Amino acid sequence: MSAGLRVLVVEDESKLAALLCDYLRAAGYQATVAEDGPAALQAFAAEPPAAVLLDLNLPGLDGMEVCRTIRQDSAVPILMLTARVDEIDRIVGLEIGADDYLCKPYSPREVVARVRALLRRSQGRLPGAAGAVAARSLEVGGFALDDAGQRAWWQGQVLPLTPIEWRLLRTLLQPPGRVFARAQLLDAIHLDLRDVSDRAVDSHVKNLRRKLQATMAAPDCISSVYGVGYRLDLPPAPT
């Protein structure tokens, strides 16, 4: 599955960037490097990669801004790599669209394992032919989800979700109207990341709400249940 897939390594420490590239190439990936924020965005626009390894402390434009810019138009998997260890930094990173987070020092082997997991879940997630909705695994109300490709649609329109947002939506739809505790949602969405608090769920719900409202052109269908968690109620069928 890794053959031919390109990973963009955004890291200003040249020795560390070279080490990560060596491990990625040994695992069968293509790897290219950008050493600052502007160069990362230029490289991403020129040839969008299958995944991004993104350091936060970058010259020119920091990793948070790079992530925000990428997320405006793309759901590519993003793994943040940083020396920042505070929980608030992890939460902010996840809130603006990162899919996973590793603090330095880290093992290059773990980085490759995280990339492999992100790519495995994201393969086929982006739309192919317009309106193609084959291999639906779950259909509830106007929603359709494909487990194999981790794609989602609302009334036939593709929902541009990250892997975490896709898993969050799938969980909330089983079944609609059920209240899920934050801890339950955290277990469902962070299959490989266990060092974040359940406050991170709030960030992902916020992002999912925004995308659903933009696509559905309908009122917010995800409700907060005070002291417990969240519930998704299906909107009324269009007339």
C-alpha atoms as a PDB file:
ATOM      1  CA  MET A   1       0.000   0.000   0.000  1.00  0.00           C
ATOM      2  CA  SER A   2       2.915   2.397   0.596  1.00  0.00           C
ATOM      3  CA  ALA A   3       4.516   2.094  -2.863  1.00  0.00           C
ATOM      4  CA  GLY A   4       4.369   5.412  -4.686  1.00  0.00           C
ATOM      5  CA  LEU A   5       2.778   7.340  -1.824  1.00  0.00           C
ATOM      6  CA  ARG A   6       4.569  10.603  -1.117  1.00  0.00           C
ATOM      7  CA  VAL A   7       5.043  12.059   2.354  1.00  0.00           C
ATOM      8  CA  LEU A   8       5.972  15.713   2.826  1.00  0.00           C
ATOM      9  CA  VAL A   9       8.359  16.167   5.768  1.00  0.00           C
ATOM     10  CA  VAL A  10       8.218  19.735   7.093  1.00  0.00           C
ATOM     11  CA  GLU A  11      11.189  20.038   9.440  1.00  0.00           C
ATOM     12  CA  ASP A  12      13.865  22.751   9.761  1.00  0.00           C
ATOM     13  CA  GLU A  13      16.412  20.496  11.505  1.00  0.00           C
ATOM     14  CA  SER A  14      18.186  19.048   8.467  1.00  0.00           C
ATOM     15  CA  LYS A  15      19.652  15.996  10.231  1.00  0.00           C
ATOM     16  CA  LEU A  16      16.285  15.048  11.721  1.00  0.00           C
ATOM     17  CA  ALA A  17      14.540  15.599   8.384  1.00  0.00           C
ATOM     18  CA  ALA A  18      17.098  13.374   6.643  1.00  0.00           C
ATOM     19  CA  LEU A  19      16.640  10.657   9.282  1.00  0.00           C
ATOM     20  CA  LEU A  20      12.858  10.692   8.893  1.00  0.00           C
ATOM     21  CA  CYS A  21      13.184  10.529   5.121  1.00  0.00           C
ATOM     22  CA  ASP A  22      15.531   7.539   5.392  1.00  0.00           C
ATOM     23  CA  TYR A  23      13.025   5.629   7.523  1.00  0.00           C
ATOM     24  CA  LEU A  24      10.105   6.554   5.286  1.00  0.00           C
ATOM     25  CA  ARG A  25      11.946   5.476   2.138  1.00  0.00           C
ATOM     26  CA  ALA A  26      12.984   2.228   3.796  1.00  0.00           C
ATOM     27  CA  ALA A  27       9.281   1.616   4.441  1.00  0.00           C
ATOM     28  CA  GLY A  28       8.506   2.142   0.764  1.00  0.00           C
ATOM     29  CA  TYR A  29       7.315   5.745   0.748  1.00  0.00           C
ATOM     30  CA  GLN A  30       8.561   8.644  -1.294  1.00  0.00           C
ATOM     31  CA  ALA A  31       9.710  11.509   0.928  1.00  0.00           C
ATOM     32  CA  THR A  32      10.403  15.174   0.234  1.00  0.00           C
ATOM     33  CA  VAL A  33      11.478  17.906   2.649  1.00  0.00           C
ATOM     34  CA  ALA A  34      10.433  21.512   3.224  1.00  0.00           C
ATOM     35  CA  GLU A  35      12.507  23.432   5.774  1.00  0.00           C
ATOM     36  CA  ASP A  36      10.161  26.336   6.555  1.00  0.00           C
ATOM     37  CA  GLY A  37       6.483  27.227   6.508  1.00  0.00           C
ATOM     38  CA  PRO A  38       6.315  29.061   3.160  1.00  0.00           C
ATOM     39  CA  ALA A  39       8.318  26.302   1.448  1.00  0.00           C
ATOM     40  CA  ALA A  40       5.915  23.715   2.901  1.00  0.00           C
ATOM     41  CA  LEU A  41       2.866  25.444   1.449  1.00  0.00           C
ATOM     42  CA  GLN A  42       4.596  25.889  -1.895  1.00  0.00           C
ATOM     43  CA  ALA A  43       5.567  22.204  -2.023  1.00  0.00           C
ATOM     44  CA  PHE A  44       2.064  21.146  -0.976  1.00  0.00           C
ATOM     45  CA  ALA A  45       0.431  23.274  -3.685  1.00  0.00           C
ATOM     46  CA  ALA A  46       2.840  22.078  -6.368  1.00  0.00           C
ATOM     47  CA  GLU A  47       2.306  18.377  -5.663  1.00  0.00           C
ATOM     48  CA  PRO A  48      -0.147  17.467  -2.891  1.00  0.00           C
ATOM     49  CA  PRO A  49       1.282  14.563  -0.859  1.00  0.00           C
ATOM     50  CA  ALA A  50      -0.520  11.577   0.626  1.00  0.00           C
ATOM     51  CA  ALA A  51       0.456  12.691   4.155  1.00  0.00           C
ATOM     52  CA  VAL A  52       2.306  15.497   5.936  1.00  0.00           C
ATOM     53  CA  LEU A  53       4.759  15.297   8.835  1.00  0.00           C
ATOM     54  CA  LEU A  54       4.641  18.789  10.291  1.00  0.00           C
ATOM     55  CA  ASP A  55       6.963  20.336  12.863  1.00  0.00           C
ATOM     56  CA  LEU A  56       5.430  23.227  14.808  1.00  0.00           C
ATOM     57  CA  ASN A  57       8.492  25.399  15.381  1.00  0.00           C
ATOM     58  CA  LEU A  58       9.256  26.511  11.841  1.00  0.00           C
ATOM     59  CA  PRO A  59      10.880  29.660  10.461  1.00  0.00           C
ATOM     60  CA  GLY A  60       8.853  31.952   8.242  1.00  0.00           C
ATOM     61  CA  LEU A  61       5.458  30.525   9.192  1.00  0.00           C
ATOM     62  CA  ASP A  62       4.858  28.225  12.133  1.00  0.00           C
ATOM     63  CA  GLY A  63       3.332  24.784  11.900  1.00  0.00           C
ATOM     64  CA  MET A  64      -0.030  25.867  13.277  1.00  0.00           C
ATOM     65  CA  GLU A  65      -0.490  28.343  10.424  1.00  0.00           C
ATOM     66  CA  VAL A  66       0.707  25.804   7.881  1.00  0.00           C
ATOM     67  CA  CYS A  67      -1.858  23.313   9.214  1.00  0.00           C
ATOM     68  CA  ARG A  68      -4.665  25.885   9.132  1.00  0.00           C
ATOM     69  CA  THR A  69      -3.837  26.801   5.541  1.00  0.00           C
ATOM     70  CA  ILE A  70      -3.716  23.180   4.370  1.00  0.00           C
ATOM     71  CA  ARG A  71      -6.996  22.415   6.091  1.00  0.00           C
ATOM     72  CA  GLN A  72      -8.812  25.158   4.192  1.00  0.00           C
ATOM     73  CA  ASP A  73      -8.822  22.989   1.072  1.00  0.00           C
ATOM     74  CA  SER A  74      -7.516  19.529   1.955  1.00  0.00           C
ATOM     75  CA  ALA A  75      -8.257  16.621   4.281  1.00  0.00           C
ATOM     76  CA  VAL A  76      -4.781  15.086   3.828  1.00  0.00           C
ATOM     77  CA  PRO A  77      -3.583  13.252   6.975  1.00  0.00           C
ATOM     78  CA  ILE A  78      -1.329  15.496   9.094  1.00  0.00           C
ATOM     79  CA  LEU A  79       0.978  14.184  11.831  1.00  0.00           C
ATOM     80  CA  MET A  80       2.365  16.980  14.004  1.00  0.00           C
ATOM     81  CA  LEU A  81       5.883  16.568  15.384  1.00  0.00           C
ATOM     82  CA  THR A  82       6.996  19.004  18.072  1.00  0.00           C
ATOM     83  CA  ALA A  83       9.042  19.691  21.158  1.00  0.00           C
ATOM     84  CA  ARG A  84       6.005  21.293  22.795  1.00  0.00           C
ATOM     85  CA  VAL A  85       4.677  18.952  25.462  1.00  0.00           C
ATOM     86  CA  ASP A  86       1.887  20.974  27.085  1.00  0.00           C
ATOM     87  CA  GLU A  87      -1.577  19.490  26.714  1.00  0.00           C
ATOM     88  CA  ILE A  88      -2.957  22.784  25.427  1.00  0.00           C
ATOM     89  CA  ASP A  89      -0.566  22.651  22.450  1.00  0.00           C
ATOM     90  CA  ARG A  90      -1.770  19.158  21.575  1.00  0.00           C
ATOM     91  CA  ILE A  91      -5.392  20.246  21.862  1.00  0.00           C
ATOM     92  CA  VAL A  92      -4.853  23.326  19.694  1.00  0.00           C
ATOM     93  CA  GLY A  93      -3.037  21.231  17.105  1.00  0.00           C
ATOM     94  CA  LEU A  94      -5.885  18.739  16.965  1.00  0.00           C
ATOM     95  CA  GLU A  95      -8.477  21.515  16.913  1.00  0.00           C
ATOM     96  CA  ILE A  96      -7.030  23.143  13.805  1.00  0.00           C
ATOM     97  CA  GLY A  97      -7.039  19.856  11.945  1.00  0.00           C
ATOM     98  CA  ALA A  98      -4.075  17.622  12.818  1.00  0.00           C
ATOM     99  CA  ASP A  99      -4.886  13.913  12.841  1.00  0.00           C
ATOM    100  CA  ASP A 100      -2.152  12.796  15.212  1.00  0.00           C
ATOM    101  CA  TYR A 101       0.556  14.298  17.433  1.00  0.00           C
ATOM    102  CA  LEU A 102       4.011  13.157  18.578  1.00  0.00           C
ATOM    103  CA  CYS A 103       6.287  14.961  21.030  1.00  0.00           C
ATOM    104  CA  LYS A 104      10.067  14.996  20.690  1.00  0.00           C
ATOM    105  CA  PRO A 105      12.083  12.952  21.311  1.00  0.00           C
ATOM    106  CA  TYR A 106      10.328  10.264  19.321  1.00  0.00           C
ATOM    107  CA  SER A 107      11.305   7.080  17.564  1.00  0.00           C
ATOM    108  CA  PRO A 108      11.481   7.306  13.751  1.00  0.00           C
ATOM    109  CA  ARG A 109       9.976   3.823  13.694  1.00  0.00           C
ATOM    110  CA  GLU A 110       6.942   5.094  15.597  1.00  0.00           C
ATOM    111  CA  VAL A 111       6.637   8.001  13.173  1.00  0.00           C
ATOM    112  CA  VAL A 112       6.520   5.544  10.261  1.00  0.00           C
ATOM    113  CA  ALA A 113       3.969   3.401  12.118  1.00  0.00           C
ATOM    114  CA  ARG A 114       1.760   6.441  12.712  1.00  0.00           C
ATOM    115  CA  VAL A 115       2.033   7.465   9.061  1.00  0.00           C
ATOM    116  CA  ARG A 116       1.149   3.945   7.963  1.00  0.00           C
ATOM    117  CA  ALA A 117      -1.916   3.910  10.226  1.00  0.00           C
ATOM    118  CA  LEU A 118      -3.105   7.320   9.021  1.00  0.00           C
ATOM    119  CA  LEU A 119      -2.683   6.368   5.386  1.00  0.00           C
ATOM    120  CA  ARG A 120      -4.357   3.001   5.851  1.00  0.00           C
ATOM    121  CA  ARG A 121      -7.439   4.746   7.222  1.00  0.00           C
ATOM    122  CA  SER A 122      -7.420   7.505   4.622  1.00  0.00           C
ATOM    123  CA  GLN A 123      -6.902   5.464   1.443  1.00  0.00           C
ATOM    124  CA  GLY A 124      -9.865   6.000  -0.847  1.00  0.00           C
ATOM    125  CA  ARG A 125     -11.388   8.522   1.551  1.00  0.00           C
ATOM    126  CA  LEU A 126     -11.243  11.358  -0.965  1.00  0.00           C
ATOM    127  CA  PRO A 127     -13.872  11.379  -3.728  1.00  0.00           C
ATOM    128  CA  GLY A 128     -13.193   9.756  -7.044  1.00  0.00           C
ATOM    129  CA  ALA A 129     -15.715  10.115  -9.815  1.00  0.00           C
ATOM    130  CA  ALA A 130     -18.324  12.742  -9.090  1.00  0.00           C
ATOM    131  CA  GLY A 131     -21.235  11.311  -7.185  1.00  0.00           C
ATOM    132  CA  ALA A 132     -19.661   7.858  -6.845  1.00  0.00           C
ATOM    133  CA  VAL A 133     -21.070   6.266  -3.716  1.00  0.00           C
ATOM    134  CA  ALA A 134     -20.432   2.579  -4.231  1.00  0.00           C
ATOM    135  CA  ALA A 135     -19.600   0.224  -1.377  1.00  0.00           C
ATOM    136  CA  ARG A 136     -21.621   2.030   1.256  1.00  0.00           C
ATOM    137  CA  SER A 137     -21.207   0.335   4.626  1.00  0.00           C
ATOM    138  CA  LEU A 138     -23.669   2.387   6.665  1.00  0.00           C
ATOM    139  CA  GLU A 139     -26.714   4.361   5.569  1.00  0.00           C
ATOM    140  CA  VAL A 140     -28.639   6.355   8.162  1.00  0.00           C
ATOM    141  CA  GLY A 141     -31.076   9.083   7.226  1.00  0.00           C
ATOM    142  CA  GLY A 142     -29.344  11.132   4.545  1.00  0.00           C
ATOM    143  CA  PHE A 143     -25.873   9.930   5.560  1.00  0.00           C
ATOM    144  CA  ALA A 144     -23.888   7.228   3.775  1.00  0.00           C
ATOM    145  CA  LEU A 145     -20.511   5.941   4.973  1.00  0.00           C
ATOM    146  CA  ASP A 146     -17.982   3.642   3.337  1.00  0.00           C
ATOM    147  CA  ASP A 147     -15.868   1.759   5.887  1.00  0.00           C
ATOM    148  CA  ALA A 148     -13.283   0.441   3.429  1.00  0.00           C
ATOM    149  CA  GLY A 149     -12.468   3.859   1.996  1.00  0.00           C
ATOM    150  CA  GLN A 150     -13.463   5.935   5.036  1.00  0.00           C
ATOM    151  CA  ARG A 151     -15.610   8.199   2.898  1.00  0.00           C
ATOM    152  CA  ALA A 152     -18.847   9.907   3.883  1.00  0.00           C
ATOM    153  CA  TRP A 153     -21.691  11.559   2.003  1.00  0.00           C
ATOM    154  CA  TRP A 154     -24.759  13.608   2.875  1.00  0.00           C
ATOM    155  CA  GLN A 155     -27.587  13.250   0.339  1.00  0.00           C
ATOM    156  CA  GLY A 156     -24.989  12.108  -2.215  1.00  0.00           C
ATOM    157  CA  GLN A 157     -22.645  15.038  -1.576  1.00  0.00           C
ATOM    158  CA  VAL A 158     -19.131  14.193  -0.365  1.00  0.00           C
ATOM    159  CA  LEU A 159     -18.282  15.308   3.178  1.00  0.00           C
ATOM    160  CA  PRO A 160     -14.611  16.421   3.249  1.00  0.00           C
ATOM    161  CA  LEU A 161     -13.718  14.819   6.574  1.00  0.00           C
ATOM    162  CA  THR A 162     -10.373  13.972   8.130  1.00  0.00           C
ATOM    163  CA  PRO A 163      -9.927  10.373   9.375  1.00  0.00           C
ATOM    164  CA  ILE A 164     -10.704  11.440  12.949  1.00  0.00           C
ATOM    165  CA  GLU A 165     -13.831  13.360  11.892  1.00  0.00           C
ATOM    166  CA  TRP A 166     -14.989  10.352   9.861  1.00  0.00           C
ATOM    167  CA  ARG A 167     -14.672   8.037  12.859  1.00  0.00           C
ATOM    168  CA  LEU A 168     -16.426  10.592  15.052  1.00  0.00           C
ATOM    169  CA  LEU A 169     -19.366  10.842  12.643  1.00  0.00           C
ATOM    170  CA  ARG A 170     -19.620   7.079  12.307  1.00  0.00           C
ATOM    171  CA  THR A 171     -19.725   6.657  16.066  1.00  0.00           C
ATOM    172  CA  LEU A 172     -22.381   9.334  16.544  1.00  0.00           C
ATOM    173  CA  LEU A 173     -24.544   7.627  13.920  1.00  0.00           C
ATOM    174  CA  GLN A 174     -24.671   4.313  15.848  1.00  0.00           C
ATOM    175  CA  PRO A 175     -27.412   5.049  16.498  1.00  0.00           C
ATOM    176  CA  PRO A 176     -28.535   8.645  15.983  1.00  0.00           C
ATOM    177  CA  GLY A 177     -30.084  10.138  19.103  1.00  0.00           C
ATOM    178  CA  ARG A 178     -27.829   8.227  21.496  1.00  0.00           C
ATOM    179  CA  VAL A 179     -25.751  10.243  23.959  1.00  0.00           C
ATOM    180  CA  PHE A 180     -22.042   9.341  23.834  1.00  0.00           C
ATOM    181  CA  ALA A 181     -19.709  10.252  26.683  1.00  0.00           C
ATOM    182  CA  ARG A 182     -16.516  12.103  25.782  1.00  0.00           C
ATOM    183  CA  ALA A 183     -14.438   9.129  26.941  1.00  0.00           C
ATOM    184  CA  GLN A 184     -16.372   6.828  24.582  1.00  0.00           C
ATOM    185  CA  LEU A 185     -15.802   9.162  21.662  1.00  0.00           C
ATOM    186  CA  LEU A 186     -12.116   9.506  22.510  1.00  0.00           C
ATOM    187  CA  ASP A 187     -11.698   5.727  22.439  1.00  0.00           C
ATOM    188  CA  ALA A 188     -13.470   5.602  19.072  1.00  0.00           C
ATOM    189  CA  ILE A 189     -11.530   8.331  17.294  1.00  0.00           C
ATOM    190  CA  HIS A 190      -7.984   8.036  18.671  1.00  0.00           C
ATOM    191  CA  LEU A 191      -7.006   4.499  17.793  1.00  0.00           C
ATOM    192  CA  ASP A 192      -3.273   5.226  17.993  1.00  0.00           C
ATOM    193  CA  LEU A 193      -3.132   8.336  20.171  1.00  0.00           C
ATOM    194  CA  ARG A 194      -3.748   7.825  23.878  1.00  0.00           C
ATOM    195  CA  ASP A 195      -1.902  10.783  25.474  1.00  0.00           C
ATOM    196  CA  VAL A 196      -4.621  13.411  25.003  1.00  0.00           C
ATOM    197  CA  SER A 197      -7.460  14.350  27.334  1.00  0.00           C
ATOM    198  CA  ASP A 198     -11.127  14.005  26.475  1.00  0.00           C
ATOM    199  CA  ARG A 199     -11.174  17.780  25.938  1.00  0.00           C
ATOM    200  CA  ALA A 200      -9.754  17.038  22.498  1.00  0.00           C
ATOM    201  CA  VAL A 201     -13.158  15.569  21.578  1.00  0.00           C
ATOM    202  CA  ASP A 202     -14.676  19.046  21.876  1.00  0.00           C
ATOM    203  CA  SER A 203     -12.270  20.318  19.226  1.00  0.00           C
ATOM    204  CA  HIS A 204     -13.100  17.523  16.811  1.00  0.00           C
ATOM    205  CA  VAL A 205     -16.842  17.969  17.356  1.00  0.00           C
ATOM    206  CA  LYS A 206     -16.446  21.682  16.610  1.00  0.00           C
ATOM    207  CA  ASN A 207     -14.706  20.906  13.313  1.00  0.00           C
ATOM    208  CA  LEU A 208     -17.252  18.220  12.382  1.00  0.00           C
ATOM    209  CA  ARG A 209     -20.150  20.563  13.150  1.00  0.00           C
ATOM    210  CA  ARG A 210     -18.677  23.251  10.918  1.00  0.00           C
ATOM    211  CA  LYS A 211     -18.269  20.878   7.983  1.00  0.00           C
ATOM    212  CA  LEU A 212     -21.715  19.326   8.368  1.00  0.00           C
ATOM    213  CA  GLN A 213     -23.390  22.724   8.497  1.00  0.00           C
ATOM    214  CA  ALA A 214     -21.477  23.914   5.430  1.00  0.00           C
ATOM    215  CA  THR A 215     -22.416  20.818   3.415  1.00  0.00           C
ATOM    216  CA  MET A 216     -25.938  20.245   4.678  1.00  0.00           C
ATOM    217  CA  ALA A 217     -27.002  23.916   4.761  1.00  0.00           C
ATOM    218  CA  ALA A 218     -29.025  22.937   7.834  1.00  0.00           C
ATOM    219  CA  PRO A 219     -29.065  23.787  11.546  1.00  0.00           C
ATOM    220  CA  ASP A 220     -26.528  22.117  13.809  1.00  0.00           C
ATOM    221  CA  CYS A 221     -27.513  18.475  14.308  1.00  0.00           C
ATOM    222  CA  ILE A 222     -24.941  17.696  17.044  1.00  0.00           C
ATOM    223  CA  SER A 223     -26.085  18.604  20.549  1.00  0.00           C
ATOM    224  CA  SER A 224     -24.007  18.961  23.699  1.00  0.00           C
ATOM    225  CA  VAL A 225     -25.365  17.080  26.682  1.00  0.00           C
ATOM    226  CA  TYR A 226     -24.145  18.888  29.778  1.00  0.00           C
ATOM    227  CA  GLY A 227     -21.840  16.825  31.953  1.00  0.00           C
ATOM    228  CA  VAL A 228     -21.978  13.817  29.622  1.00  0.00           C
ATOM    229  CA  GLY A 229     -20.997  14.294  25.998  1.00  0.00           C
ATOM    230  CA  TYR A 230     -22.663  14.620  22.601  1.00  0.00           C
ATOM    231  CA  ARG A 231     -25.667  13.405  20.619  1.00  0.00           C
ATOM    232  CA  LEU A 232     -26.364  13.560  16.881  1.00  0.00           C
ATOM    233  CA  ASP A 233     -29.989  13.947  15.812  1.00  0.00           C
ATOM    234  CA  LEU A 234     -30.855  13.373  12.188  1.00  0.00           C
ATOM    235  CA  PRO A 235     -32.182  16.488  10.468  1.00  0.00           C
ATOM    236  CA  PRO A 236     -35.624  16.235   8.855  1.00  0.00           C
ATOM    237  CA  ALA A 237     -35.686  14.813   5.363  1.00  0.00           C
ATOM    238  CA  PRO A 238     -35.716  17.471   2.641  1.00  0.00           C
ATOM    239  CA  THR A 239     -39.107  18.146   1.136  1.00  0.00           C
END
